[in-house]
């Protein structure tokens, strides 16, 4: 990206990059353009970095489950919200180091909580550290922030690589 947009007191080498706007990623000189240029220049032109679509993101998050969380919890009442704590960073004032919670059954960390992740559809998925348990569900969506110019400490991204 040229610079790390993370400007919070809790940023660090093991924390997710946050405060990423849609234009930081998808603009004419955004991260995706720069990263794909780097891939080509480094002899890896057979790969292209993309943001996963909403469908791809949710498929990876659910990891074969149909429940609210990839650990089988449906969060049907407040007493079950603690089950999200096995997988998600939520209800806190800061993000946490990547991989502090258990991965889903496919080995993906931090699909629930920590930072909400931009998808190719311009929708944020997964919830963030400030959210309540119900907003870190596999199906939770945050829309309408594509034109938001103010960096938000809740917003990050996850790349996918696809063959060209």
Protein backbone atom coordinates (compact mmCIF):
# COMPACT_ATOMS: atom_id res chain seq x y z
CA UNK A 1 0.00 0.00 0.00
CA UNK A 2 3.05 2.21 0.27
CA UNK A 3 2.36 2.91 3.91
CA UNK A 4 0.64 0.95 6.64
CA UNK A 5 -2.74 2.61 7.21
CA UNK A 6 -2.95 1.24 10.76
CA UNK A 7 -2.66 4.26 12.98
CA UNK A 8 -4.12 2.96 16.21
CA UNK A 9 -2.32 2.39 19.46
CA UNK A 10 -2.93 -1.31 19.09
CA UNK A 11 -1.34 -1.78 15.67
CA UNK A 12 1.76 -3.86 15.43
CA UNK A 13 3.49 -6.54 13.38
CA UNK A 14 1.14 -9.30 14.56
CA UNK A 15 -2.11 -7.32 14.39
CA UNK A 16 -4.28 -7.13 11.29
CA UNK A 17 -3.89 -4.12 9.04
CA UNK A 18 -6.87 -1.89 9.69
CA UNK A 19 -8.24 1.51 8.74
CA UNK A 20 -8.32 0.34 5.12
CA UNK A 21 -10.79 2.17 2.89
CA UNK A 22 -12.35 0.72 -0.26
CA UNK A 23 -10.27 3.09 -2.41
CA UNK A 24 -7.07 2.04 -0.55
CA UNK A 25 -7.66 -1.43 -1.98
CA UNK A 26 -9.37 -0.92 -5.32
CA UNK A 27 -8.26 2.52 -6.49
CA UNK A 28 -6.09 3.03 -9.60
CA UNK A 29 -3.00 2.91 -7.39
CA UNK A 30 -4.60 0.85 -4.66
CA UNK A 31 -3.09 -2.14 -2.91
CA UNK A 32 -4.50 -4.73 -5.32
CA UNK A 33 -2.94 -3.02 -8.34
CA UNK A 34 0.40 -2.66 -6.56
CA UNK A 35 0.43 -6.21 -5.23
CA UNK A 36 -0.47 -7.71 -8.60
CA UNK A 37 2.28 -5.63 -10.21
CA UNK A 38 4.69 -7.02 -7.62
CA UNK A 39 3.55 -10.59 -8.35
CA UNK A 40 4.17 -10.10 -12.08
CA UNK A 41 7.54 -8.40 -11.52
CA UNK A 42 8.69 -11.19 -9.23
CA UNK A 43 8.00 -13.89 -11.82
CA UNK A 44 4.69 -15.04 -10.34
CA UNK A 45 2.47 -13.78 -13.14
CA UNK A 46 0.42 -16.99 -13.02
CA UNK A 47 -1.25 -15.65 -9.85
CA UNK A 48 -3.60 -12.75 -9.30
CA UNK A 49 -4.48 -11.30 -5.90
CA UNK A 50 -8.18 -10.54 -5.46
CA UNK A 51 -10.63 -9.81 -2.71
CA UNK A 52 -12.93 -12.79 -2.28
CA UNK A 53 -16.53 -12.28 -3.34
CA UNK A 54 -19.14 -12.26 -0.59
CA UNK A 55 -20.11 -15.81 -1.49
CA UNK A 56 -16.49 -17.00 -1.43
CA UNK A 57 -15.85 -15.22 1.87
CA UNK A 58 -18.88 -16.78 3.56
CA UNK A 59 -18.06 -20.23 2.16
CA UNK A 60 -14.54 -20.00 3.63
CA UNK A 61 -15.87 -18.62 6.91
CA UNK A 62 -18.49 -21.33 7.39
CA UNK A 63 -16.01 -24.11 6.58
CA UNK A 64 -18.77 -26.59 5.80
CA UNK A 65 -21.15 -25.56 8.58
CA UNK A 66 -24.60 -24.01 8.37
CA UNK A 67 -24.58 -22.43 11.83
CA UNK A 68 -24.07 -18.81 12.85
CA UNK A 69 -20.45 -19.55 13.74
CA UNK A 70 -18.09 -22.04 12.16
CA UNK A 71 -17.81 -23.92 15.47
CA UNK A 72 -21.47 -25.01 15.28
CA UNK A 73 -22.88 -22.35 17.61
CA UNK A 74 -26.09 -20.65 16.50
CA UNK A 75 -26.03 -17.83 19.06
CA UNK A 76 -29.74 -18.39 19.71
CA UNK A 77 -29.66 -16.61 23.06
CA UNK A 78 -27.36 -14.35 25.05
CA UNK A 79 -26.18 -17.31 27.13
CA UNK A 80 -24.57 -18.85 24.05
CA UNK A 81 -22.72 -15.72 22.99
CA UNK A 82 -19.72 -16.90 24.99
CA UNK A 83 -19.26 -19.63 22.35
CA UNK A 84 -18.18 -16.94 19.92
CA UNK A 85 -15.24 -16.24 22.22
CA UNK A 86 -13.57 -19.45 21.03
CA UNK A 87 -13.30 -18.05 17.51
CA UNK A 88 -13.79 -14.31 17.58
CA UNK A 89 -12.27 -11.11 18.87
CA UNK A 90 -15.38 -9.04 19.67
CA UNK A 91 -16.77 -6.71 22.31
CA UNK A 92 -13.36 -5.14 22.98
CA UNK A 93 -11.69 -1.78 22.48
CA UNK A 94 -8.90 -3.03 20.23
CA UNK A 95 -7.99 -5.64 17.69
CA UNK A 96 -5.85 -8.56 18.78
CA UNK A 97 -2.87 -10.34 17.29
CA UNK A 98 -3.82 -12.47 14.31
CA UNK A 99 -4.39 -16.11 15.20
CA UNK A 100 -5.07 -15.69 18.93
CA UNK A 101 -8.36 -17.57 18.66
CA UNK A 102 -8.97 -21.04 17.24
CA UNK A 103 -9.13 -21.41 13.45
CA UNK A 104 -12.20 -22.79 11.74
CA UNK A 105 -12.11 -26.43 10.63
CA UNK A 106 -10.46 -25.44 7.33
CA UNK A 107 -7.62 -23.65 9.15
CA UNK A 108 -8.71 -20.04 8.55
CA UNK A 109 -8.11 -17.70 11.48
CA UNK A 110 -10.04 -14.57 12.39
CA UNK A 111 -12.96 -15.01 10.03
CA UNK A 112 -15.20 -13.95 12.93
CA UNK A 113 -14.34 -10.59 14.47
CA UNK A 114 -11.02 -8.80 14.89
CA UNK A 115 -11.45 -6.64 11.75
CA UNK A 116 -14.31 -6.66 9.26
CA UNK A 117 -12.99 -7.66 5.85
CA UNK A 118 -13.69 -6.02 2.52
CA UNK A 119 -15.05 -8.32 -0.20
CA UNK A 120 -14.94 -7.83 -3.96
CA UNK A 121 -18.59 -6.81 -3.77
CA UNK A 122 -17.71 -3.81 -1.63
CA UNK A 123 -19.36 -5.27 1.46
CA UNK A 124 -17.56 -5.83 4.77
CA UNK A 125 -17.89 -9.28 6.31
CA UNK A 126 -17.05 -10.97 9.60
CA UNK A 127 -17.64 -8.23 12.12
CA UNK A 128 -14.99 -6.44 14.14
CA UNK A 129 -13.49 -6.21 17.60
CA UNK A 130 -15.96 -3.51 18.73
CA UNK A 131 -19.04 -5.47 17.67
CA UNK A 132 -21.32 -7.65 19.78
CA UNK A 133 -21.37 -11.42 19.24
CA UNK A 134 -24.39 -11.32 16.92
CA UNK A 135 -22.42 -9.15 14.45
CA UNK A 136 -19.55 -11.64 14.05
CA UNK A 137 -21.85 -14.33 12.63
CA UNK A 138 -20.91 -15.98 9.33
CA UNK A 139 -23.82 -14.22 7.60
CA UNK A 140 -23.28 -10.75 9.09
CA UNK A 141 -22.80 -7.98 6.51
CA UNK A 142 -21.88 -4.31 6.71
CA UNK A 143 -22.84 -2.30 3.62
CA UNK A 144 -22.62 1.27 2.46
CA UNK A 145 -19.02 2.13 3.31
CA UNK A 146 -17.46 2.11 -0.18
CA UNK A 147 -17.49 5.91 -0.38
CA UNK A 148 -16.50 6.35 3.26
CA UNK A 149 -13.24 8.36 3.19
CA UNK A 150 -12.53 8.37 6.91
CA UNK A 151 -10.27 5.48 7.94
CA UNK A 152 -12.08 3.16 10.33
CA UNK A 153 -10.14 0.96 12.78
CA UNK A 154 -12.69 -1.82 12.25
CA UNK A 155 -12.00 -2.27 8.51
CA UNK A 156 -9.36 -4.57 7.03
CA UNK A 157 -9.10 -7.14 4.26
CA UNK A 158 -8.14 -10.69 3.35
CA UNK A 159 -6.62 -11.56 0.00
CA UNK A 160 -7.27 -14.59 -2.14
CA UNK A 161 -4.92 -15.77 -4.86
CA UNK A 162 -6.35 -17.18 -8.05
CA UNK A 163 -4.67 -18.64 -11.09
CA UNK A 164 -4.73 -16.35 -14.11
